[in-house]
Protein backbone atom coordinates (compact mmCIF):
# COMPACT_ATOMS: atom_id res chain seq x y z
CA GLY A 1 2.16 35.85 26.41
CA LYS A 2 0.28 33.23 28.28
CA ASP A 3 0.83 29.53 26.87
CA SER A 4 2.81 30.80 24.12
CA ARG A 5 5.82 28.72 24.04
CA SER A 6 6.94 25.64 22.22
CA ASN A 7 9.72 23.38 22.17
CA GLN A 8 12.42 22.81 19.60
CA LEU A 9 14.93 19.84 19.42
CA ILE A 10 18.32 20.90 17.31
CA VAL A 11 21.34 18.55 16.49
CA ALA A 12 24.09 20.57 16.35
CA LEU A 13 26.64 18.45 14.43
CA GLY A 14 29.22 20.94 14.80
CA ASN A 15 29.62 24.10 16.69
CA ASN A 16 27.01 26.36 16.10
CA GLU A 17 26.88 29.15 18.46
CA ARG A 18 23.57 30.82 17.04
CA LEU A 19 21.52 27.87 17.31
CA GLY A 20 23.20 26.13 20.34
CA GLY A 21 22.80 27.84 23.32
CA GLY A 22 23.51 31.24 22.58
CA SER A 23 20.28 32.37 24.02
CA PRO A 24 19.19 32.31 27.61
CA TRP A 25 16.40 30.24 26.89
CA GLU A 26 18.52 27.56 24.79
CA VAL A 27 19.77 25.08 27.30
CA PRO A 28 21.87 22.22 25.74
CA TRP A 29 20.33 19.25 27.39
CA GLY A 30 22.02 16.42 26.00
CA GLU A 31 24.75 14.66 23.83
CA VAL A 32 25.12 12.23 20.98
CA VAL A 33 27.65 9.84 21.75
CA GLY A 34 28.35 6.43 20.16
CA GLU A 35 28.31 5.06 16.58
CA GLU A 36 24.27 3.54 17.07
CA SER A 37 23.65 7.40 18.07
CA PHE A 38 25.14 8.73 14.86
CA ARG A 39 23.51 5.92 12.73
CA THR A 40 20.19 6.91 14.35
CA LEU A 41 20.69 10.54 13.08
CA ASP A 42 21.87 9.48 9.66
CA GLY A 43 18.56 7.88 9.21
CA ILE A 44 16.23 11.21 9.90
CA TYR A 45 14.90 12.41 6.62
CA THR A 46 16.38 15.60 5.65
CA GLY A 47 15.25 16.11 2.66
CA TYR A 48 12.66 18.81 3.08
CA GLY A 49 15.18 21.02 3.85
CA ASP A 50 13.76 24.60 4.45
CA ASN A 51 10.18 23.52 2.71
CA GLY A 52 9.07 21.58 5.51
CA PRO A 53 6.14 22.23 7.86
CA GLY A 54 6.57 26.00 9.34
CA GLN A 55 6.75 26.05 13.20
CA GLY A 56 3.30 27.58 13.05
CA ARG A 57 1.88 25.32 11.32
CA LEU A 58 3.29 22.44 13.58
CA ARG A 59 2.27 24.36 16.66
CA ASN A 60 -1.17 24.83 15.71
CA GLU A 61 -1.65 21.31 14.14
CA GLY A 62 0.67 19.00 15.88
CA SER A 63 1.04 15.35 14.21
CA SER A 64 -2.22 16.20 12.29
CA GLU A 65 -3.54 14.09 9.46
CA GLY A 66 -2.92 17.13 7.07
CA VAL A 67 0.89 17.35 8.29
CA ALA A 68 1.30 13.62 7.42
CA ARG A 69 -0.28 13.82 4.16
CA ASP A 70 1.46 16.91 2.95
CA PHE A 71 4.72 15.35 4.33
CA PRO A 72 4.84 11.69 4.53
CA LYS A 73 8.37 11.35 4.96
CA LEU A 74 8.59 13.54 8.27
CA ASP A 75 10.03 11.92 11.26
CA TYR A 76 8.59 11.70 14.60
CA ILE A 77 10.54 10.92 18.20
CA LEU A 78 8.36 8.62 19.96
CA GLY A 79 10.23 8.21 22.88
CA CYS A 80 13.15 8.93 25.12
CA ASP A 81 15.26 7.70 27.84
CA VAL A 82 17.52 9.23 30.42
CA ILE A 83 20.48 7.32 31.29
CA ASP A 84 22.27 8.55 34.29
CA SER A 85 25.84 8.76 33.66
CA ARG A 86 27.19 9.07 37.07
């Protein structure tokens, strides 16, 4: 419906056709390269596993105080740089 789209960032560390561009709306747009990038990924907290905040809650609340209280180790992307590799 109207205004119902949201975004998800998926980092695939291996071949993952189910979540890696297998549908027309899933568009790969970047690549993790270099040791520094992999160190950054290693620093992302994954301890919540499937028990992290649900997509609906994040869509409705965003980075609310309630989400921060219930999931204090949740990581956030605060910025992104586009690098022209041509």
